[in-house]
Amino acid sequence: MSSTKPVLHYWKGRGRAEIIRLTLAAVGIEWEDAPYLNEPADFEKLRSEGKLFFF
């Protein structure tokens, strides 16, 4: 297994990524949440810069 810590790029709150967080915790893998999706304005900035493939 890789020695690098995975980084989860999603909102800080629960949502579609919550199952990923729960799974990582259940199997004992430490991970980091990406720091740039804390507020709706962060999402809008990424969207306006064209960094989201679905918008």
PDB file of N, CA and C in Angstrom:
ATOM      1  N   MET A   1       0.835  -1.183   0.000  1.00  0.00           N
ATOM      2  CA  MET A   1       0.000   0.000   0.000  1.00  0.00           C
ATOM      3  C   MET A   1       0.879   1.246   0.000  1.00  0.00           C
ATOM      4  N   SER A   2       0.394   2.295  -0.580  1.00  0.00           N
ATOM      5  CA  SER A   2       1.133   3.549  -0.683  1.00  0.00           C
ATOM      6  C   SER A   2       1.344   4.171   0.690  1.00  0.00           C
ATOM      7  N   SER A   3       2.460   4.866   0.839  1.00  0.00           N
ATOM      8  CA  SER A   3       2.749   5.518   2.114  1.00  0.00           C
ATOM      9  C   SER A   3       2.269   6.966   2.145  1.00  0.00           C
ATOM     10  N   THR A   4       1.719   7.457   1.037  1.00  0.00           N
ATOM     11  CA  THR A   4       1.213   8.829   1.024  1.00  0.00           C
ATOM     12  C   THR A   4      -0.213   8.866   1.552  1.00  0.00           C
ATOM     13  N   LYS A   5      -0.541   9.967   2.201  1.00  0.00           N
ATOM     14  CA  LYS A   5      -1.878  10.137   2.774  1.00  0.00           C
ATOM     15  C   LYS A   5      -2.825  10.638   1.686  1.00  0.00           C
ATOM     16  N   PRO A   6      -3.959   9.964   1.470  1.00  0.00           N
ATOM     17  CA  PRO A   6      -4.906  10.428   0.455  1.00  0.00           C
ATOM     18  C   PRO A   6      -5.545  11.757   0.852  1.00  0.00           C
ATOM     19  N   VAL A   7      -5.878  12.545  -0.156  1.00  0.00           N
ATOM     20  CA  VAL A   7      -6.532  13.835   0.060  1.00  0.00           C
ATOM     21  C   VAL A   7      -7.907  13.776  -0.597  1.00  0.00           C
ATOM     22  N   LEU A   8      -8.933  14.087   0.188  1.00  0.00           N
ATOM     23  CA  LEU A   8     -10.307  14.062  -0.298  1.00  0.00           C
ATOM     24  C   LEU A   8     -10.716  15.477  -0.699  1.00  0.00           C
ATOM     25  N   HIS A   9     -11.044  15.660  -1.958  1.00  0.00           N
ATOM     26  CA  HIS A   9     -11.431  16.962  -2.493  1.00  0.00           C
ATOM     27  C   HIS A   9     -12.948  17.040  -2.566  1.00  0.00           C
ATOM     28  N   TYR A  10     -13.545  17.568  -1.515  1.00  0.00           N
ATOM     29  CA  TYR A  10     -14.999  17.699  -1.449  1.00  0.00           C
ATOM     30  C   TYR A  10     -15.324  18.701  -0.356  1.00  0.00           C
ATOM     31  N   TRP A  11     -16.587  19.057  -0.247  1.00  0.00           N
ATOM     32  CA  TRP A  11     -17.011  19.970   0.816  1.00  0.00           C
ATOM     33  C   TRP A  11     -16.676  19.379   2.179  1.00  0.00           C
ATOM     34  N   LYS A  12     -16.454  20.237   3.169  1.00  0.00           N
ATOM     35  CA  LYS A  12     -16.169  19.772   4.522  1.00  0.00           C
ATOM     36  C   LYS A  12     -17.350  19.031   5.140  1.00  0.00           C
ATOM     37  N   GLY A  13     -18.548  19.414   4.796  1.00  0.00           N
ATOM     38  CA  GLY A  13     -19.731  18.789   5.382  1.00  0.00           C
ATOM     39  C   GLY A  13     -20.035  17.431   4.776  1.00  0.00           C
ATOM     40  N   ARG A  14     -21.045  16.796   5.330  1.00  0.00           N
ATOM     41  CA  ARG A  14     -21.463  15.502   4.803  1.00  0.00           C
ATOM     42  C   ARG A  14     -22.093  15.677   3.426  1.00  0.00           C
ATOM     43  N   GLY A  15     -22.078  14.652   2.683  1.00  0.00           N
ATOM     44  CA  GLY A  15     -22.632  14.664   1.328  1.00  0.00           C
ATOM     45  C   GLY A  15     -22.223  13.377   0.646  1.00  0.00           C
ATOM     46  N   ARG A  16     -22.005  13.453  -0.634  1.00  0.00           N
ATOM     47  CA  ARG A  16     -21.643  12.248  -1.384  1.00  0.00           C
ATOM     48  C   ARG A  16     -20.301  11.670  -0.952  1.00  0.00           C
ATOM     49  N   ALA A  17     -19.427  12.487  -0.422  1.00  0.00           N
ATOM     50  CA  ALA A  17     -18.112  11.993   0.003  1.00  0.00           C
ATOM     51  C   ALA A  17     -18.130  11.377   1.393  1.00  0.00           C
ATOM     52  N   GLU A  18     -19.246  11.481   2.093  1.00  0.00           N
ATOM     53  CA  GLU A  18     -19.297  10.955   3.459  1.00  0.00           C
ATOM     54  C   GLU A  18     -19.050   9.450   3.498  1.00  0.00           C
ATOM     55  N   ILE A  19     -19.554   8.721   2.530  1.00  0.00           N
ATOM     56  CA  ILE A  19     -19.320   7.274   2.501  1.00  0.00           C
ATOM     57  C   ILE A  19     -17.833   6.974   2.330  1.00  0.00           C
ATOM     58  N   ILE A  20     -17.129   7.826   1.605  1.00  0.00           N
ATOM     59  CA  ILE A  20     -15.680   7.650   1.448  1.00  0.00           C
ATOM     60  C   ILE A  20     -14.989   7.894   2.782  1.00  0.00           C
ATOM     61  N   ARG A  21     -15.377   8.962   3.476  1.00  0.00           N
ATOM     62  CA  ARG A  21     -14.798   9.244   4.794  1.00  0.00           C
ATOM     63  C   ARG A  21     -15.050   8.092   5.767  1.00  0.00           C
ATOM     64  N   LEU A  22     -16.273   7.582   5.783  1.00  0.00           N
ATOM     65  CA  LEU A  22     -16.614   6.479   6.682  1.00  0.00           C
ATOM     66  C   LEU A  22     -15.826   5.212   6.345  1.00  0.00           C
ATOM     67  N   THR A  23     -15.665   4.946   5.064  1.00  0.00           N
ATOM     68  CA  THR A  23     -14.910   3.768   4.645  1.00  0.00           C
ATOM     69  C   THR A  23     -13.445   3.889   5.033  1.00  0.00           C
ATOM     70  N   LEU A  24     -12.856   5.052   4.791  1.00  0.00           N
ATOM     71  CA  LEU A  24     -11.459   5.262   5.176  1.00  0.00           C
ATOM     72  C   LEU A  24     -11.275   5.085   6.680  1.00  0.00           C
ATOM     73  N   ALA A  25     -12.195   5.628   7.454  1.00  0.00           N
ATOM     74  CA  ALA A  25     -12.116   5.492   8.911  1.00  0.00           C
ATOM     75  C   ALA A  25     -12.287   4.033   9.335  1.00  0.00           C
ATOM     76  N   ALA A  26     -13.190   3.318   8.697  1.00  0.00           N
ATOM     77  CA  ALA A  26     -13.460   1.923   9.064  1.00  0.00           C
ATOM     78  C   ALA A  26     -12.260   1.015   8.830  1.00  0.00           C
ATOM     79  N   VAL A  27     -11.492   1.305   7.781  1.00  0.00           N
ATOM     80  CA  VAL A  27     -10.326   0.467   7.486  1.00  0.00           C
ATOM     81  C   VAL A  27      -9.035   1.029   8.071  1.00  0.00           C
ATOM     82  N   GLY A  28      -9.146   2.141   8.802  1.00  0.00           N
ATOM     83  CA  GLY A  28      -7.990   2.688   9.511  1.00  0.00           C
ATOM     84  C   GLY A  28      -7.016   3.486   8.670  1.00  0.00           C
ATOM     85  N   ILE A  29      -7.481   4.049   7.576  1.00  0.00           N
ATOM     86  CA  ILE A  29      -6.618   4.871   6.724  1.00  0.00           C
ATOM     87  C   ILE A  29      -6.789   6.334   7.109  1.00  0.00           C
ATOM     88  N   GLU A  30      -5.671   7.005   7.388  1.00  0.00           N
ATOM     89  CA  GLU A  30      -5.721   8.440   7.667  1.00  0.00           C
ATOM     90  C   GLU A  30      -5.774   9.189   6.344  1.00  0.00           C
ATOM     91  N   TRP A  31      -6.541  10.280   6.292  1.00  0.00           N
ATOM     92  CA  TRP A  31      -6.671  11.075   5.083  1.00  0.00           C
ATOM     93  C   TRP A  31      -6.764  12.543   5.474  1.00  0.00           C
ATOM     94  N   GLU A  32      -6.695  13.395   4.470  1.00  0.00           N
ATOM     95  CA  GLU A  32      -6.844  14.834   4.664  1.00  0.00           C
ATOM     96  C   GLU A  32      -8.000  15.324   3.809  1.00  0.00           C
ATOM     97  N   ASP A  33      -8.726  16.304   4.327  1.00  0.00           N
ATOM     98  CA  ASP A  33      -9.725  16.987   3.516  1.00  0.00           C
ATOM     99  C   ASP A  33      -9.032  18.142   2.806  1.00  0.00           C
ATOM    100  N   ALA A  34      -9.325  18.339   1.524  1.00  0.00           N
ATOM    101  CA  ALA A  34      -8.762  19.466   0.781  1.00  0.00           C
ATOM    102  C   ALA A  34      -9.237  20.760   1.425  1.00  0.00           C
ATOM    103  N   PRO A  35      -8.346  21.704   1.647  1.00  0.00           N
ATOM    104  CA  PRO A  35      -8.710  22.918   2.378  1.00  0.00           C
ATOM    105  C   PRO A  35      -9.453  23.967   1.565  1.00  0.00           C
ATOM    106  N   TYR A  36      -9.628  23.782   0.283  1.00  0.00           N
ATOM    107  CA  TYR A  36     -10.161  24.878  -0.524  1.00  0.00           C
ATOM    108  C   TYR A  36     -11.657  24.814  -0.795  1.00  0.00           C
ATOM    109  N   LEU A  37     -12.370  23.874  -0.269  1.00  0.00           N
ATOM    110  CA  LEU A  37     -13.817  23.821  -0.474  1.00  0.00           C
ATOM    111  C   LEU A  37     -14.553  23.957   0.859  1.00  0.00           C
ATOM    112  N   ASN A  38     -14.387  25.094   1.495  1.00  0.00           N
ATOM    113  CA  ASN A  38     -15.035  25.332   2.782  1.00  0.00           C
ATOM    114  C   ASN A  38     -16.290  26.181   2.669  1.00  0.00           C
ATOM    115  N   GLU A  39     -16.348  27.049   1.695  1.00  0.00           N
ATOM    116  CA  GLU A  39     -17.463  27.981   1.526  1.00  0.00           C
ATOM    117  C   GLU A  39     -17.991  27.901   0.095  1.00  0.00           C
ATOM    118  N   PRO A  40     -19.253  28.256  -0.116  1.00  0.00           N
ATOM    119  CA  PRO A  40     -19.787  28.279  -1.486  1.00  0.00           C
ATOM    120  C   PRO A  40     -18.976  29.178  -2.424  1.00  0.00           C
ATOM    121  N   ALA A  41     -18.391  30.240  -1.898  1.00  0.00           N
ATOM    122  CA  ALA A  41     -17.578  31.134  -2.730  1.00  0.00           C
ATOM    123  C   ALA A  41     -16.355  30.403  -3.290  1.00  0.00           C
ATOM    124  N   ASP A  42     -15.820  29.447  -2.537  1.00  0.00           N
ATOM    125  CA  ASP A  42     -14.686  28.657  -3.018  1.00  0.00           C
ATOM    126  C   ASP A  42     -15.089  27.846  -4.248  1.00  0.00           C
ATOM    127  N   PHE A  43     -16.279  27.264  -4.207  1.00  0.00           N
ATOM    128  CA  PHE A  43     -16.799  26.497  -5.336  1.00  0.00           C
ATOM    129  C   PHE A  43     -16.988  27.405  -6.549  1.00  0.00           C
ATOM    130  N   GLU A  44     -17.573  28.570  -6.333  1.00  0.00           N
ATOM    131  CA  GLU A  44     -17.812  29.506  -7.436  1.00  0.00           C
ATOM    132  C   GLU A  44     -16.503  29.954  -8.072  1.00  0.00           C
ATOM    133  N   LYS A  45     -15.472  30.143  -7.265  1.00  0.00           N
ATOM    134  CA  LYS A  45     -14.169  30.543  -7.797  1.00  0.00           C
ATOM    135  C   LYS A  45     -13.610  29.447  -8.705  1.00  0.00           C
ATOM    136  N   LEU A  46     -13.654  28.203  -8.252  1.00  0.00           N
ATOM    137  CA  LEU A  46     -13.174  27.100  -9.083  1.00  0.00           C
ATOM    138  C   LEU A  46     -13.985  26.980 -10.368  1.00  0.00           C
ATOM    139  N   ARG A  47     -15.300  27.163 -10.256  1.00  0.00           N
ATOM    140  CA  ARG A  47     -16.170  27.072 -11.429  1.00  0.00           C
ATOM    141  C   ARG A  47     -15.851  28.176 -12.432  1.00  0.00           C
ATOM    142  N   SER A  48     -15.682  29.403 -11.942  1.00  0.00           N
ATOM    143  CA  SER A  48     -15.412  30.528 -12.845  1.00  0.00           C
ATOM    144  C   SER A  48     -14.035  30.427 -13.501  1.00  0.00           C
ATOM    145  N   GLU A  49     -13.104  29.747 -12.849  1.00  0.00           N
ATOM    146  CA  GLU A  49     -11.766  29.557 -13.415  1.00  0.00           C
ATOM    147  C   GLU A  49     -11.703  28.366 -14.372  1.00  0.00           C
ATOM    148  N   GLY A  50     -12.816  27.638 -14.502  1.00  0.00           N
ATOM    149  CA  GLY A  50     -12.855  26.499 -15.409  1.00  0.00           C
ATOM    150  C   GLY A  50     -12.138  25.265 -14.890  1.00  0.00           C
ATOM    151  N   LYS A  51     -11.986  25.148 -13.577  1.00  0.00           N
ATOM    152  CA  LYS A  51     -11.262  24.018 -12.995  1.00  0.00           C
ATOM    153  C   LYS A  51     -12.167  22.847 -12.625  1.00  0.00           C
ATOM    154  N   LEU A  52     -13.467  22.970 -12.855  1.00  0.00           N
ATOM    155  CA  LEU A  52     -14.398  21.879 -12.584  1.00  0.00           C
ATOM    156  C   LEU A  52     -14.870  21.315 -13.912  1.00  0.00           C
ATOM    157  N   PHE A  53     -14.700  20.040 -14.111  1.00  0.00           N
ATOM    158  CA  PHE A  53     -15.002  19.446 -15.409  1.00  0.00           C
ATOM    159  C   PHE A  53     -16.492  19.344 -15.689  1.00  0.00           C
ATOM    160  N   PHE A  54     -17.332  19.493 -14.675  1.00  0.00           N
ATOM    161  CA  PHE A  54     -18.765  19.308 -14.881  1.00  0.00           C
ATOM    162  C   PHE A  54     -19.535  20.607 -14.980  1.00  0.00           C
ATOM    163  N   PHE A  55     -18.886  21.752 -14.954  1.00  0.00           N
ATOM    164  CA  PHE A  55     -19.561  23.041 -15.115  1.00  0.00           C
ATOM    165  C   PHE A  55     -18.905  23.840 -16.197  1.00  0.00           C
TER     166      PHE A  55
END
